Protein backbone atom coordinates (compact mmCIF):
# COMPACT_ATOMS: atom_id res chain seq x y z
CA UNK A 1 177.81 13.17 -95.91
CA UNK A 2 177.45 15.40 -92.40
CA UNK A 3 180.58 15.92 -90.60
CA UNK A 4 179.26 15.63 -87.06
CA UNK A 5 182.32 16.20 -85.22
CA UNK A 6 182.36 20.08 -85.29
CA UNK A 7 179.36 19.92 -83.13
CA UNK A 8 177.86 22.99 -84.73
CA UNK A 9 174.31 23.29 -85.90
CA UNK A 10 175.04 26.48 -88.01
CA UNK A 11 178.38 27.36 -89.58
CA UNK A 12 178.30 30.32 -91.82
CA UNK A 13 181.60 31.84 -93.65
CA UNK A 14 181.77 34.80 -95.69
CA UNK A 15 178.20 34.66 -96.70
CA UNK A 16 177.34 37.50 -99.12
CA UNK A 17 173.90 38.66 -100.90
CA UNK A 18 173.22 41.30 -103.41
CA UNK A 19 170.64 42.39 -105.63
CA UNK A 20 170.48 44.69 -108.62
CA UNK A 21 168.08 47.50 -108.87
CA UNK A 22 168.57 49.22 -112.30
CA UNK A 23 172.09 50.23 -112.61
CA UNK A 24 172.61 49.97 -108.74
CA UNK A 25 173.93 46.78 -106.96
CA UNK A 26 172.83 46.83 -103.31
CA UNK A 27 175.08 44.64 -101.03
CA UNK A 28 172.87 43.39 -98.09
CA UNK A 29 175.21 40.78 -96.67
CA UNK A 30 178.75 41.77 -96.99
CA UNK A 31 180.82 38.57 -95.54
CA UNK A 32 178.49 37.28 -92.64
CA UNK A 33 180.29 34.70 -90.36
CA UNK A 34 178.07 32.86 -87.40
CA UNK A 35 178.46 29.79 -85.65
CA UNK A 36 175.46 28.30 -83.69
CA UNK A 37 175.93 25.44 -81.21
CA UNK A 38 173.36 22.81 -80.31
CA UNK A 39 170.49 24.17 -77.78
CA UNK A 40 171.75 27.50 -78.18
CA UNK A 41 169.24 30.51 -78.66
CA UNK A 42 170.70 33.45 -80.35
CA UNK A 43 169.03 36.72 -81.05
CA UNK A 44 169.42 38.61 -84.21
CA UNK A 45 168.85 42.24 -84.24
CA UNK A 46 169.15 45.15 -86.23
CA UNK A 47 167.36 48.25 -87.91
CA UNK A 48 164.64 47.58 -90.44
CA UNK A 49 166.13 46.88 -93.83
CA UNK A 50 169.26 45.76 -92.36
CA UNK A 51 169.01 42.24 -93.84
CA UNK A 52 167.90 40.06 -91.11
CA UNK A 53 165.22 38.46 -93.29
CA UNK A 54 167.77 37.79 -95.85
CA UNK A 55 170.26 36.23 -93.34
CA UNK A 56 167.30 34.08 -92.48
CA UNK A 57 166.48 32.96 -95.66
CA UNK A 58 170.13 31.96 -96.48
CA UNK A 59 170.30 29.80 -93.23
CA UNK A 60 166.88 28.33 -94.11
CA UNK A 61 167.85 27.53 -97.55
CA UNK A 62 164.68 29.37 -98.82
CA UNK A 63 166.34 31.09 -102.06
CA UNK A 64 169.57 30.87 -104.10
CA UNK A 65 171.90 33.63 -104.93
CA UNK A 66 174.12 33.66 -101.99
CA UNK A 67 177.94 33.34 -102.00
CA UNK A 68 179.97 31.84 -99.37
CA UNK A 69 179.70 28.44 -97.09
CA UNK A 70 176.69 27.73 -95.47
CA UNK A 71 176.94 24.38 -93.38
CA UNK A 72 173.95 22.97 -91.44
CA UNK A 73 174.74 20.35 -88.94
CA UNK A 74 177.68 19.94 -90.65
CA UNK A 75 176.84 19.75 -94.15
CA UNK A 76 177.77 21.93 -96.76
CA UNK A 77 174.70 23.01 -98.62
CA UNK A 78 176.09 25.08 -101.45
CA UNK A 79 176.57 22.22 -104.08
CA UNK A 80 173.34 20.50 -102.87
CA UNK A 81 170.42 19.99 -105.59
CA UNK A 82 166.91 21.36 -104.50
CA UNK A 83 166.13 17.92 -103.23
CA UNK A 84 168.96 18.31 -100.77
CA UNK A 85 167.70 21.55 -99.37
CA UNK A 86 164.13 20.16 -99.22
CA UNK A 87 165.44 17.34 -97.26
CA UNK A 88 167.49 19.67 -94.85
CA UNK A 89 164.50 21.78 -94.40
CA UNK A 90 162.32 18.86 -93.66
CA UNK A 91 164.47 17.22 -91.39
CA UNK A 92 166.48 19.66 -89.48
CA UNK A 93 164.57 23.11 -89.57
CA UNK A 94 161.23 24.71 -88.14
CA UNK A 95 160.30 28.17 -89.09
CA UNK A 96 158.25 30.70 -87.58
CA UNK A 97 157.21 34.03 -89.30
CA UNK A 98 155.85 37.29 -88.32
CA UNK A 99 152.52 36.25 -89.88
CA UNK A 100 151.50 32.86 -88.82
CA UNK A 101 150.52 31.25 -92.28
CA UNK A 102 148.01 28.88 -90.60
CA UNK A 103 145.91 26.70 -92.65
CA UNK A 104 142.53 28.56 -92.13
CA UNK A 105 140.33 25.68 -92.79
CA UNK A 106 141.92 23.51 -90.15
CA UNK A 107 141.87 23.58 -86.37
CA UNK A 108 144.88 24.40 -84.28
CA UNK A 109 145.46 20.78 -83.56
CA UNK A 110 145.35 19.85 -87.33
CA UNK A 111 147.67 22.75 -88.08
CA UNK A 112 150.27 21.20 -85.92
CA UNK A 113 149.47 17.45 -87.06
CA UNK A 114 149.85 18.46 -90.62
CA UNK A 115 153.84 18.62 -90.92
CA UNK A 116 154.21 15.56 -88.92
CA UNK A 117 152.06 13.61 -91.42
CA UNK A 118 154.12 14.93 -94.23
CA UNK A 119 157.25 13.56 -92.47
CA UNK A 120 155.75 10.24 -92.13
CA UNK A 121 154.55 10.23 -88.44
CA UNK A 122 151.59 8.20 -87.72
CA UNK A 123 148.07 10.09 -87.27
CA UNK A 124 147.80 8.97 -83.69
CA UNK A 125 151.23 9.95 -82.46
CA UNK A 126 150.97 13.23 -84.49
CA UNK A 127 147.89 14.21 -82.50
CA UNK A 128 149.50 13.36 -79.12
CA UNK A 129 152.49 15.42 -80.04
CA UNK A 130 150.75 18.13 -81.26
CA UNK A 131 148.30 18.38 -78.36
CA UNK A 132 151.07 18.26 -75.95
CA UNK A 133 152.68 21.20 -77.51
CA UNK A 134 149.62 23.18 -77.50
CA UNK A 135 148.98 22.44 -74.11
CA UNK A 136 152.40 23.63 -72.93
CA UNK A 137 151.64 27.03 -74.92
CA UNK A 138 148.23 27.34 -73.02
CA UNK A 139 145.97 26.39 -75.76
CA UNK A 140 144.58 23.11 -74.15
CA UNK A 141 141.06 24.65 -74.52
CA UNK A 142 141.56 25.91 -78.13
CA UNK A 143 142.53 22.61 -79.81
CA UNK A 144 139.40 22.59 -82.09
CA UNK A 145 139.24 26.15 -82.84
CA UNK A 146 140.00 27.46 -86.37
CA UNK A 147 142.47 30.29 -86.94
CA UNK A 148 139.61 32.75 -87.25
CA UNK A 149 138.43 31.73 -83.88
CA UNK A 150 141.82 32.48 -82.15
CA UNK A 151 143.38 35.91 -81.07
CA UNK A 152 146.72 36.96 -82.64
CA UNK A 153 148.46 35.97 -79.73
CA UNK A 154 146.87 32.44 -79.96
CA UNK A 155 147.39 32.12 -83.60
CA UNK A 156 151.04 32.96 -83.05
CA UNK A 157 151.36 30.25 -80.33
CA UNK A 158 149.86 27.53 -82.97
CA UNK A 159 152.65 28.50 -85.44
CA UNK A 160 155.13 28.15 -82.60
CA UNK A 161 153.80 24.78 -82.01
CA UNK A 162 153.83 23.77 -85.49
CA UNK A 163 157.28 25.13 -86.01
CA UNK A 164 158.40 22.51 -83.21
CA UNK A 165 156.10 19.65 -84.13
CA UNK A 166 158.89 17.68 -85.77
CA UNK A 167 161.59 18.13 -83.35
CA UNK A 168 163.81 20.56 -85.24
CA UNK A 169 167.52 20.89 -84.33
CA UNK A 170 167.19 24.67 -85.66
CA UNK A 171 164.24 26.94 -85.41
CA UNK A 172 164.57 30.27 -87.57
CA UNK A 173 161.97 32.90 -86.55
CA UNK A 174 161.57 36.18 -88.29
CA UNK A 175 160.20 38.85 -86.00
CA UNK A 176 157.87 36.14 -84.60
CA UNK A 177 156.03 38.73 -82.42
CA UNK A 178 156.08 41.63 -84.91
CA UNK A 179 152.40 41.58 -85.51
CA UNK A 180 151.47 41.59 -82.07
CA UNK A 181 150.85 44.35 -79.31
CA UNK A 182 153.75 44.88 -76.78
CA UNK A 183 152.18 42.98 -74.01
CA UNK A 184 151.10 39.96 -76.05
CA UNK A 185 154.36 39.99 -78.17
CA UNK A 186 156.51 39.84 -74.61
CA UNK A 187 154.43 36.84 -73.43
CA UNK A 188 154.44 34.97 -76.61
CA UNK A 189 158.21 35.44 -77.00
CA UNK A 190 158.82 34.28 -73.50
CA UNK A 191 156.76 31.17 -74.21
CA UNK A 192 158.40 30.59 -77.65
CA UNK A 193 161.84 30.47 -75.87
CA UNK A 194 160.91 28.40 -72.83
CA UNK A 195 159.40 25.98 -75.21
CA UNK A 196 162.64 25.87 -77.62
CA UNK A 197 164.64 25.45 -74.43
CA UNK A 198 162.35 22.58 -73.30
CA UNK A 199 162.43 20.90 -76.55
CA UNK A 200 166.40 21.19 -76.77
CA UNK A 201 166.36 22.86 -80.17
CA UNK A 202 168.89 25.67 -81.20
CA UNK A 203 167.09 28.90 -82.33
CA UNK A 204 168.03 32.08 -84.56
CA UNK A 205 165.29 34.73 -83.79
CA UNK A 206 165.27 38.06 -85.62
CA UNK A 207 163.66 40.42 -83.14
CA UNK A 208 163.12 44.27 -82.46
CA UNK A 209 162.56 43.38 -78.80
CA UNK A 210 165.56 44.21 -76.86
CA UNK A 211 164.21 43.22 -73.67
CA UNK A 212 163.57 39.66 -74.96
CA UNK A 213 166.80 39.54 -77.02
CA UNK A 214 168.76 39.90 -73.64
CA UNK A 215 167.11 36.80 -72.18
CA UNK A 216 168.53 34.84 -74.94
CA UNK A 217 171.92 33.22 -74.78
CA UNK A 218 173.70 35.51 -77.10
CA UNK A 219 172.86 38.58 -79.22
CA UNK A 220 174.41 39.38 -82.64
CA UNK A 221 173.81 42.73 -84.57
CA UNK A 222 173.64 42.91 -88.28
CA UNK A 223 175.05 46.32 -89.24
CA UNK A 224 175.96 47.26 -92.73
CA UNK A 225 175.79 43.69 -93.80
CA UNK A 226 177.95 42.06 -91.52
CA UNK A 227 177.34 40.57 -87.71
CA UNK A 228 178.90 42.38 -84.67
């Protein structure tokens, strides 16, 4: 059962992750502690290879092998079966990656409708929700376009809308504009942050963009396997 009294969306305590390469043990996370409150947008910054993606995988329950406590919306995840992790990802989380990973044979609208149908939303309600999100990102004239007909920035906007389609309590984004030119990246990230605020979600966003990181509620830095 979730302990909803602590009010935290994310609560990490002494989270560790190491990898073995030959005879060498590489400690990527060496005891990470992090709390994220509802509606809080947190920037995760750090040099390439510092473990930002690994930390996001921990919070997103995307792989095993982690030590420590990972609580999401008050629920301890360490001892949950795979089905429990799937439930939390479906009901609580939204994901945006550096590469959009859109379904190439489906339109922008259909890409945002799809996760809602999987969650049990009706076709009509899913289409209304998808259109609203896409229009809020300036894609009202691109609803029927397939990914190959969209620019890189437009594709990533569709990915943002898809991540927010099921109104997640927490959005996790791994360098969501890292594949875009600087001007487009600034614009898309600003729109992303604005939509997350509008939707009332919390977010943990890994980014190299210091200007945009400074516009978020808080900046945490991953250095030598710990947050500062």
